[in-house]
Amino acid sequence: MMKEYLNYSYDEIAEIMGLSRTAVATNIHRAKDRLRELLAPYFKEYVKKEKEKKNG
């Protein structure tokens, strides 16, 4: 949230959270991977519906 919506740098987030820059980067990477994993089924369904619309 801090990175995407508040446009904080990794260093700023690290200072606020009391973590290393590496820990912040790792946590953000893992969170993005998890979000991608959770949203994948919905995206696949969306693509399927869009193809059906296009093909009529």
Protein backbone atom coordinates (compact mmCIF):
# COMPACT_ATOMS: atom_id res chain seq x y z
CA MET A 1 0.00 0.00 0.00
CA MET A 2 2.71 2.44 0.96
CA LYS A 3 4.64 1.76 -2.23
CA GLU A 4 1.75 1.77 -4.71
CA TYR A 5 -0.66 4.32 -3.24
CA LEU A 6 1.56 6.66 -1.25
CA ASN A 7 4.50 6.37 -3.66
CA TYR A 8 7.00 5.74 -0.85
CA SER A 9 10.41 4.41 -1.74
CA TYR A 10 11.65 1.11 -0.34
CA ASP A 11 14.02 3.08 1.89
CA GLU A 12 11.17 5.21 3.28
CA ILE A 13 9.05 2.14 3.96
CA ALA A 14 12.00 0.41 5.62
CA GLU A 15 12.54 3.35 7.94
CA ILE A 16 8.84 3.61 8.88
CA MET A 17 8.44 -0.15 9.40
CA GLY A 18 11.78 -0.69 11.11
CA LEU A 19 12.89 -3.21 8.50
CA SER A 20 15.82 -3.49 6.14
CA ARG A 21 15.40 -2.35 2.56
CA THR A 22 15.92 -5.98 1.49
CA ALA A 23 13.11 -7.16 3.77
CA VAL A 24 10.77 -4.52 2.33
CA ALA A 25 11.61 -5.51 -1.24
CA THR A 26 11.13 -9.20 -0.41
CA ASN A 27 7.80 -8.58 1.31
CA ILE A 28 6.49 -6.49 -1.59
CA HIS A 29 7.60 -9.11 -4.10
CA ARG A 30 5.89 -11.89 -2.12
CA ALA A 31 2.72 -9.84 -1.73
CA LYS A 32 2.55 -9.18 -5.48
CA ASP A 33 3.10 -12.87 -6.22
CA ARG A 34 0.32 -13.83 -3.79
CA LEU A 35 -2.06 -11.26 -5.24
CA ARG A 36 -1.31 -12.53 -8.76
CA GLU A 37 -2.01 -16.08 -7.55
CA LEU A 38 -5.30 -15.08 -5.91
CA LEU A 39 -6.53 -13.08 -8.90
CA ALA A 40 -5.51 -15.56 -11.62
CA PRO A 41 -8.80 -17.52 -11.61
CA TYR A 42 -10.80 -14.30 -11.97
CA PHE A 43 -8.59 -13.07 -14.78
CA LYS A 44 -8.97 -16.35 -16.63
CA GLU A 45 -12.75 -16.11 -16.30
CA TYR A 46 -12.68 -12.50 -17.51
CA VAL A 47 -10.63 -13.42 -20.59
CA LYS A 48 -13.01 -16.30 -21.33
CA LYS A 49 -16.05 -14.00 -21.16
CA GLU A 50 -14.39 -11.38 -23.35
CA LYS A 51 -13.59 -14.01 -25.98
CA GLU A 52 -17.20 -15.21 -25.88
CA LYS A 53 -18.45 -11.64 -26.38
CA LYS A 54 -16.09 -11.13 -29.29
CA ASN A 55 -17.07 -14.40 -30.97
CA GLY A 56 -20.71 -13.69 -30.41
